[in-house]
C-alpha atoms as a PDB file:
ATOM      1  CA  MET A   1     134.657 -41.458-112.219  1.00  0.00           C
ATOM      2  CA  ARG A   2     137.001 -44.271-113.212  1.00  0.00           C
ATOM      3  CA  VAL A   3     136.192 -48.094-113.601  1.00  0.00           C
ATOM      4  CA  HIS A   4     138.738 -50.742-113.073  1.00  0.00           C
ATOM      5  CA  VAL A   5     138.081 -53.963-114.606  1.00  0.00           C
ATOM      6  CA  VAL A   6     138.901 -56.881-111.940  1.00  0.00           C
ATOM      7  CA  PRO A   7     139.136 -60.291-113.603  1.00  0.00           C
ATOM      8  CA  VAL A   8     137.617 -62.949-111.217  1.00  0.00           C
ATOM      9  CA  LEU A   9     136.863 -66.783-111.470  1.00  0.00           C
ATOM     10  CA  SER A  10     137.625 -68.240-115.011  1.00  0.00           C
ATOM     11  CA  ASP A  11     135.571 -65.662-117.181  1.00  0.00           C
ATOM     12  CA  ASN A  12     133.783 -62.954-114.913  1.00  0.00           C
ATOM     13  CA  TYR A  13     134.553 -59.370-114.391  1.00  0.00           C
ATOM     14  CA  ALA A  14     134.228 -57.446-111.018  1.00  0.00           C
ATOM     15  CA  TYR A  15     134.619 -53.840-111.321  1.00  0.00           C
ATOM     16  CA  LEU A  16     135.699 -50.850-108.957  1.00  0.00           C
ATOM     17  CA  VAL A  17     133.935 -47.506-109.666  1.00  0.00           C
ATOM     18  CA  GLU A  18     136.190 -45.013-108.247  1.00  0.00           C
ATOM     19  CA  GLY A  19     134.178 -42.196-106.110  1.00  0.00           C
ATOM     20  CA  GLU A  20     135.313 -39.534-103.677  1.00  0.00           C
ATOM     21  CA  GLY A  21     137.967 -39.526-101.194  1.00  0.00           C
ATOM     22  CA  GLY A  22     139.354 -43.038-101.849  1.00  0.00           C
ATOM     23  CA  ALA A  23     136.066 -44.774-101.642  1.00  0.00           C
ATOM     24  CA  ALA A  24     134.806 -47.243-104.600  1.00  0.00           C
ATOM     25  CA  LEU A  25     131.789 -49.161-105.486  1.00  0.00           C
ATOM     26  CA  VAL A  26     132.517 -52.790-105.953  1.00  0.00           C
ATOM     27  CA  VAL A  27     130.246 -54.346-108.640  1.00  0.00           C
ATOM     28  CA  ASP A  28     129.717 -58.039-108.787  1.00  0.00           C
ATOM     29  CA  PRO A  29     132.327 -59.708-106.709  1.00  0.00           C
ATOM     30  CA  GLY A  30     132.472 -63.213-107.763  1.00  0.00           C
ATOM     31  CA  GLU A  31     135.274 -63.878-105.232  1.00  0.00           C
ATOM     32  CA  ALA A  32     136.810 -61.739-103.004  1.00  0.00           C
ATOM     33  CA  GLY A  33     140.516 -62.238-103.310  1.00  0.00           C
ATOM     34  CA  PRO A  34     141.337 -60.373-106.300  1.00  0.00           C
ATOM     35  CA  VAL A  35     138.557 -57.560-105.411  1.00  0.00           C
ATOM     36  CA  PHE A  36     140.776 -56.870-102.049  1.00  0.00           C
ATOM     37  CA  SER A  37     144.056 -57.000-104.396  1.00  0.00           C
ATOM     38  CA  ALA A  38     142.774 -54.510-106.891  1.00  0.00           C
ATOM     39  CA  LEU A  39     141.505 -52.368-103.855  1.00  0.00           C
ATOM     40  CA  ASP A  40     144.788 -52.503-102.020  1.00  0.00           C
ATOM     41  CA  ALA A  41     146.847 -51.586-105.044  1.00  0.00           C
ATOM     42  CA  ARG A  42     144.834 -48.614-105.880  1.00  0.00           C
ATOM     43  CA  GLY A  43     144.679 -47.397-102.145  1.00  0.00           C
ATOM     44  CA  LEU A  44     140.984 -47.613-102.446  1.00  0.00           C
ATOM     45  CA  ARG A  45     138.167 -48.922 -99.970  1.00  0.00           C
ATOM     46  CA  ALA A  46     134.794 -50.156-100.526  1.00  0.00           C
ATOM     47  CA  ALA A  47     132.028 -48.121-100.003  1.00  0.00           C
ATOM     48  CA  ALA A  48     129.421 -50.310-101.274  1.00  0.00           C
ATOM     49  CA  VAL A  49     129.019 -53.725-102.930  1.00  0.00           C
ATOM     50  CA  LEU A  50     126.556 -53.606-106.245  1.00  0.00           C
ATOM     51  CA  VAL A  51     125.287 -57.287-106.921  1.00  0.00           C
ATOM     52  CA  THR A  52     123.156 -57.688-110.582  1.00  0.00           C
ATOM     53  CA  HIS A  53     121.963 -60.882-109.415  1.00  0.00           C
ATOM     54  CA  HIS A  54     122.103 -63.834-106.685  1.00  0.00           C
ATOM     55  CA  HIS A  55     124.179 -66.426-108.911  1.00  0.00           C
ATOM     56  CA  HIS A  56     127.619 -66.986-107.047  1.00  0.00           C
ATOM     57  CA  ASP A  57     129.845 -65.894-109.875  1.00  0.00           C
ATOM     58  CA  HIS A  58     128.391 -62.486-109.327  1.00  0.00           C
ATOM     59  CA  ALA A  59     127.737 -62.489-105.625  1.00  0.00           C
ATOM     60  CA  GLY A  60     130.300 -65.101-103.888  1.00  0.00           C
ATOM     61  CA  GLY A  61     132.467 -62.470-102.666  1.00  0.00           C
ATOM     62  CA  ALA A  62     130.031 -59.912-101.660  1.00  0.00           C
ATOM     63  CA  ALA A  63     129.915 -60.774 -98.037  1.00  0.00           C
ATOM     64  CA  ALA A  64     133.402 -60.980 -97.489  1.00  0.00           C
ATOM     65  CA  VAL A  65     133.973 -57.471 -99.439  1.00  0.00           C
ATOM     66  CA  SER A  66     131.088 -55.856 -97.067  1.00  0.00           C
ATOM     67  CA  SER A  67     132.677 -57.792 -93.912  1.00  0.00           C
ATOM     68  CA  ARG A  68     136.244 -56.211 -94.456  1.00  0.00           C
ATOM     69  CA  TYR A  69     134.937 -52.671 -94.855  1.00  0.00           C
ATOM     70  CA  PRO A  70     132.342 -51.732 -92.484  1.00  0.00           C
ATOM     71  CA  GLY A  71     129.625 -49.815 -93.483  1.00  0.00           C
ATOM     72  CA  ALA A  72     129.627 -51.063 -96.960  1.00  0.00           C
ATOM     73  CA  PRO A  73     126.242 -52.276 -97.908  1.00  0.00           C
ATOM     74  CA  VAL A  74     125.556 -55.012-100.370  1.00  0.00           C
ATOM     75  CA  ILE A  75     122.865 -53.592-102.454  1.00  0.00           C
ATOM     76  CA  ALA A  76     120.903 -56.088-104.918  1.00  0.00           C
ATOM     77  CA  LYS A  77     117.590 -54.608-105.637  1.00  0.00           C
ATOM     78  CA  PRO A  78     116.085 -51.715-107.543  1.00  0.00           C
ATOM     79  CA  GLY A  79     116.628 -47.746-106.400  1.00  0.00           C
ATOM     80  CA  THR A  80     118.619 -45.039-106.546  1.00  0.00           C
ATOM     81  CA  TRP A  81     121.428 -43.799-104.193  1.00  0.00           C
ATOM     82  CA  ARG A  82     124.181 -41.586-104.075  1.00  0.00           C
ATOM     83  CA  ILE A  83     127.273 -43.036-102.663  1.00  0.00           C
ATOM     84  CA  ALA A  84     130.976 -41.609-102.392  1.00  0.00           C
ATOM     85  CA  GLY A  85     129.402 -38.830-104.664  1.00  0.00           C
ATOM     86  CA  VAL A  86     128.545 -41.296-107.541  1.00  0.00           C
ATOM     87  CA  MET A  87     124.965 -41.366-108.574  1.00  0.00           C
ATOM     88  CA  VAL A  88     123.720 -45.170-108.887  1.00  0.00           C
ATOM     89  CA  GLU A  89     120.423 -46.115-110.522  1.00  0.00           C
ATOM     90  CA  ALA A  90     119.568 -50.018-110.082  1.00  0.00           C
ATOM     91  CA  ALA A  91     116.860 -50.844-112.349  1.00  0.00           C
ATOM     92  CA  PRO A  92     114.977 -53.983-112.735  1.00  0.00           C
ATOM     93  CA  THR A  93     116.100 -56.096-115.459  1.00  0.00           C
ATOM     94  CA  PRO A  94     114.667 -59.495-114.979  1.00  0.00           C
ATOM     95  CA  GLY A  95     115.158 -62.276-117.431  1.00  0.00           C
ATOM     96  CA  HIS A  96     118.267 -64.028-116.779  1.00  0.00           C
ATOM     97  CA  THR A  97     116.809 -64.236-113.259  1.00  0.00           C
ATOM     98  CA  LEU A  98     113.890 -62.673-111.816  1.00  0.00           C
ATOM     99  CA  ASP A  99     116.043 -60.401-109.371  1.00  0.00           C
ATOM    100  CA  HIS A 100     118.463 -59.135-111.831  1.00  0.00           C
ATOM    101  CA  VAL A 101     119.342 -55.521-111.723  1.00  0.00           C
ATOM    102  CA  ALA A 102     121.572 -53.411-114.084  1.00  0.00           C
ATOM    103  CA  TYR A 103     123.467 -50.441-112.571  1.00  0.00           C
ATOM    104  CA  LEU A 104     123.656 -47.302-114.294  1.00  0.00           C
ATOM    105  CA  VAL A 105     126.100 -45.319-112.811  1.00  0.00           C
ATOM    106  CA  ASP A 106     126.196 -41.343-113.054  1.00  0.00           C
ATOM    107  CA  GLY A 107     124.071 -41.830-116.224  1.00  0.00           C
ATOM    108  CA  THR A 108     127.108 -43.001-118.348  1.00  0.00           C
ATOM    109  CA  ASP A 109     128.235 -46.196-117.335  1.00  0.00           C
ATOM    110  CA  LEU A 110     126.238 -49.367-117.343  1.00  0.00           C
ATOM    111  CA  PHE A 111     126.945 -52.674-115.327  1.00  0.00           C
ATOM    112  CA  PRO A 112     124.374 -55.109-116.606  1.00  0.00           C
ATOM    113  CA  GLY A 113     125.588 -58.204-115.039  1.00  0.00           C
ATOM    114  CA  ASP A 114     124.440 -61.247-117.033  1.00  0.00           C
ATOM    115  CA  LEU A 115     121.518 -59.314-119.082  1.00  0.00           C
ATOM    116  CA  LEU A 116     124.130 -58.445-121.843  1.00  0.00           C
ATOM    117  CA  PHE A 117     127.370 -59.842-122.769  1.00  0.00           C
ATOM    118  CA  GLY A 118     129.747 -58.717-125.909  1.00  0.00           C
ATOM    119  CA  LEU A 119     128.476 -60.762-128.392  1.00  0.00           C
ATOM    120  CA  THR A 120     124.917 -61.963-126.839  1.00  0.00           C
ATOM    121  CA  ILE A 121     122.747 -61.979-124.112  1.00  0.00           C
ATOM    122  CA  GLY A 122     122.109 -63.905-120.962  1.00  0.00           C
ATOM    123  CA  ASN A 123     120.553 -67.080-120.728  1.00  0.00           C
ATOM    124  CA  LEU A 124     117.072 -67.360-119.599  1.00  0.00           C
ATOM    125  CA  PHE A 125     117.432 -69.328-116.409  1.00  0.00           C
ATOM    126  CA  GLU A 126     114.371 -67.566-114.509  1.00  0.00           C
ATOM    127  CA  GLY A 127     112.515 -65.277-117.032  1.00  0.00           C
ATOM    128  CA  THR A 128     110.591 -65.869-120.087  1.00  0.00           C
ATOM    129  CA  PRO A 129     111.717 -64.338-123.508  1.00  0.00           C
ATOM    130  CA  GLU A 130     109.050 -61.606-123.237  1.00  0.00           C
ATOM    131  CA  VAL A 131     110.461 -60.456-119.678  1.00  0.00           C
ATOM    132  CA  MET A 132     113.935 -60.543-121.090  1.00  0.00           C
ATOM    133  CA  TRP A 133     113.040 -58.456-124.348  1.00  0.00           C
ATOM    134  CA  ALA A 134     111.710 -55.565-122.093  1.00  0.00           C
ATOM    135  CA  SER A 135     114.885 -55.285-120.245  1.00  0.00           C
ATOM    136  CA  LEU A 136     116.833 -55.412-123.216  1.00  0.00           C
ATOM    137  CA  ARG A 137     114.749 -52.589-124.439  1.00  0.00           C
ATOM    138  CA  TRP A 138     115.502 -50.717-121.228  1.00  0.00           C
ATOM    139  CA  VAL A 139     119.052 -50.779-122.162  1.00  0.00           C
ATOM    140  CA  ALA A 140     118.342 -49.917-125.808  1.00  0.00           C
ATOM    141  CA  ALA A 141     116.578 -46.672-124.884  1.00  0.00           C
ATOM    142  CA  LEU A 142     119.832 -45.761-123.139  1.00  0.00           C
ATOM    143  CA  PRO A 143     121.799 -42.709-124.925  1.00  0.00           C
ATOM    144  CA  PRO A 144     124.243 -44.301-127.460  1.00  0.00           C
ATOM    145  CA  SER A 145     127.055 -42.977-125.650  1.00  0.00           C
ATOM    146  CA  THR A 146     126.342 -45.344-122.584  1.00  0.00           C
ATOM    147  CA  ARG A 147     129.669 -47.238-121.811  1.00  0.00           C
ATOM    148  CA  LEU A 148     128.937 -51.113-121.117  1.00  0.00           C
ATOM    149  CA  TRP A 149     130.797 -53.122-118.377  1.00  0.00           C
ATOM    150  CA  PRO A 150     129.387 -56.807-118.857  1.00  0.00           C
ATOM    151  CA  GLY A 151     129.940 -59.466-116.391  1.00  0.00           C
ATOM    152  CA  HIS A 152     131.722 -61.954-118.447  1.00  0.00           C
ATOM    153  CA  GLU A 153     134.212 -62.117-121.245  1.00  0.00           C
ATOM    154  CA  TYR A 154     132.964 -64.311-123.941  1.00  0.00           C
ATOM    155  CA  THR A 155     134.109 -62.034-126.878  1.00  0.00           C
ATOM    156  CA  ARG A 156     137.731 -63.083-126.638  1.00  0.00           C
ATOM    157  CA  MET A 157     136.807 -66.728-125.992  1.00  0.00           C
ATOM    158  CA  ALA A 158     134.645 -66.558-129.185  1.00  0.00           C
ATOM    159  CA  ILE A 159     137.539 -64.981-131.191  1.00  0.00           C
ATOM    160  CA  ASP A 160     139.955 -67.765-130.079  1.00  0.00           C
ATOM    161  CA  GLU A 161     137.523 -70.686-131.026  1.00  0.00           C
ATOM    162  CA  ALA A 162     136.924 -69.157-134.627  1.00  0.00           C
ATOM    163  CA  LEU A 163     140.494 -68.992-135.100  1.00  0.00           C
END
């Protein structure tokens, strides 16, 4: 499994997770154009679109990606699927929003959306501190080798501001 980072909007990341046979999972396509370019450049096609929560900067391009690749469902709920040879567990992680899910892919790579960033956690728009804490505890219980792929790049911005 290989993960490709796709910068979208001003500070978001979408991701392409390569599966079998040229298929890819598209995670949090905030806009479709850069995702289409990244898929085309790598000779990949979308097998599914995984959306962590309903905010436009994560879901804004989901319908367009799904439309361009017939049969690629938009998934935005808890559950477990095997798609393109990749095991996907969508765990409920409310706090930032009540419908928030994080995707654990092949047990090794976590796409936490706006639950977790490089230097902080997501804002509480719909949840409570207790609900967010429970979601963060779920992440903390994952193996230390789990790779995190946050939905925003604030680390570089924080470093630039500090300099």
